[in-house]
Protein backbone atom coordinates (compact mmCIF):
# COMPACT_ATOMS: atom_id res chain seq x y z
CA MET A 1 0.00 0.00 0.00
CA GLY A 2 1.47 3.33 -1.08
CA HIS A 3 1.89 6.43 1.04
CA ARG A 4 -1.13 8.66 1.24
CA SER A 5 -1.39 12.11 2.64
CA PRO A 6 -4.15 12.72 5.18
CA SER A 7 -6.76 15.33 4.37
CA HIS A 8 -6.77 18.73 6.02
CA GLN A 9 -10.10 17.83 7.63
CA GLN A 10 -8.62 14.69 9.19
CA ILE A 11 -5.66 16.58 10.59
CA GLN A 12 -7.76 19.50 11.82
CA ALA A 13 -10.21 17.18 13.60
CA LYS A 14 -7.43 15.17 15.23
CA LEU A 15 -5.64 18.35 16.29
CA GLU A 16 -8.76 19.71 17.97
CA ALA A 17 -9.28 16.38 19.75
CA ILE A 18 -5.64 16.38 20.93
CA ILE A 19 -5.97 19.91 22.35
CA LEU A 20 -9.18 19.02 24.20
CA GLU A 21 -7.65 15.84 25.56
CA MET A 22 -4.51 17.66 26.74
CA LYS A 23 -6.68 20.15 28.62
CA LYS A 24 -8.76 17.33 30.11
CA ALA A 25 -5.61 15.52 31.28
CA GLY A 26 -4.22 18.71 32.85
CA LEU A 27 -1.32 18.85 30.38
CA TRP A 28 -2.14 22.26 28.86
CA GLN A 29 -0.17 25.07 30.40
CA GLU A 30 -1.48 28.63 30.43
CA GLN A 31 1.85 30.41 30.84
CA PRO A 32 4.10 30.66 27.79
CA LEU A 33 7.48 28.99 27.60
CA ALA A 34 10.66 30.86 28.31
CA PRO A 35 12.18 31.99 24.98
CA GLU A 36 15.33 29.92 25.56
CA GLN A 37 13.23 26.75 25.71
CA TYR A 38 12.73 27.10 21.95
CA ASN A 39 16.48 26.67 21.41
CA PHE A 40 16.27 22.90 21.37
CA SER A 41 18.45 20.53 19.41
CA ARG A 42 16.99 17.13 20.26
CA ALA A 43 13.97 15.39 18.81
CA PHE A 44 10.73 16.48 20.53
CA ALA A 45 12.81 19.22 22.23
CA MET A 46 13.66 16.77 24.97
CA ASP A 47 16.65 18.88 25.95
CA THR A 48 14.62 22.00 26.82
CA MET A 49 10.99 21.11 27.53
CA ALA A 50 8.60 18.39 28.62
CA TYR A 51 6.93 16.33 25.90
CA SER A 52 3.53 17.85 26.70
CA GLN A 53 5.09 21.31 26.26
CA TRP A 54 6.56 20.26 22.92
CA LEU A 55 3.09 19.12 21.82
CA GLN A 56 1.51 22.41 22.89
CA PHE A 57 4.17 24.89 21.84
CA VAL A 58 5.85 23.25 18.83
CA PHE A 59 3.80 20.42 17.33
CA ILE A 60 0.35 22.03 17.47
CA PRO A 61 1.42 25.51 16.24
CA ARG A 62 3.47 23.94 13.44
CA LEU A 63 0.51 21.86 12.26
CA THR A 64 -1.87 24.79 12.63
CA GLU A 65 0.42 26.81 10.39
CA LEU A 66 0.60 24.01 7.81
CA LEU A 67 -3.20 23.81 7.80
CA ARG A 68 -3.44 27.59 7.39
CA THR A 69 -0.96 27.74 4.51
CA SER A 70 -1.89 24.38 2.97
CA GLY A 71 1.76 23.54 3.34
CA PRO A 72 3.03 20.04 2.73
CA PHE A 73 2.58 17.78 5.73
CA PRO A 74 5.42 15.56 6.90
CA ALA A 75 5.70 12.19 5.19
CA SER A 76 5.43 10.37 8.51
CA SER A 77 4.68 11.03 12.13
CA SER A 78 6.00 9.40 15.30
CA VAL A 79 4.26 11.46 17.99
CA GLY A 80 2.28 8.41 19.15
CA ALA A 81 5.37 6.26 19.60
CA GLN A 82 6.96 9.01 21.66
CA ALA A 83 3.77 9.50 23.70
CA ILE A 84 3.76 5.79 24.59
CA ARG A 85 7.29 6.18 25.98
CA GLU A 86 6.56 9.46 27.77
CA PHE A 87 3.21 8.61 29.32
CA ASP A 88 3.75 4.92 30.07
CA GLY A 89 1.58 3.89 33.00
CA TRP A 90 0.06 7.35 33.37
CA GLN A 91 -3.67 6.73 33.32
CA GLU A 92 -4.83 10.33 32.73
CA ALA A 93 -2.77 10.54 29.55
CA GLN A 94 -3.97 7.32 27.90
CA GLY A 95 -6.67 9.10 25.88
CA LEU A 96 -4.02 11.47 24.57
CA VAL A 97 -1.68 8.58 23.72
CA THR A 98 -4.49 6.96 21.73
CA LEU A 99 -5.19 10.17 19.79
CA LEU A 100 -1.49 10.69 19.01
CA CYS A 101 -1.19 7.10 17.78
CA GLU A 102 -4.24 7.68 15.58
CA PHE A 103 -2.57 10.84 14.30
CA ASP A 104 0.52 8.80 13.31
CA ARG A 105 -1.70 6.31 11.49
CA LEU A 106 -3.09 9.10 9.28
CA PHE A 107 0.33 9.04 7.60
CA ASP A 108 0.70 5.27 7.14
């Protein structure tokens, strides 16, 4: 089966669900990040911020911008795999993990 790109509607819907779920799980932070936290060099900004912060301040804005500009989406996504590692055994985050894994599958 060849690579298919998900539709904007699919991505938009999943993004909205992810935001709601993050808020429900208490993972959404109201205060902005410190500017230096954006100077990350590792995948998922693991060197400067928590994974939930990366989702809120990097992943979601980046996707929102791609939706707005109809920019090309990445060829693959591994946010679900990372979420499984980050939130292992954390019950409140399991809904979010599921949504992020579903997001990855949009790119399969």
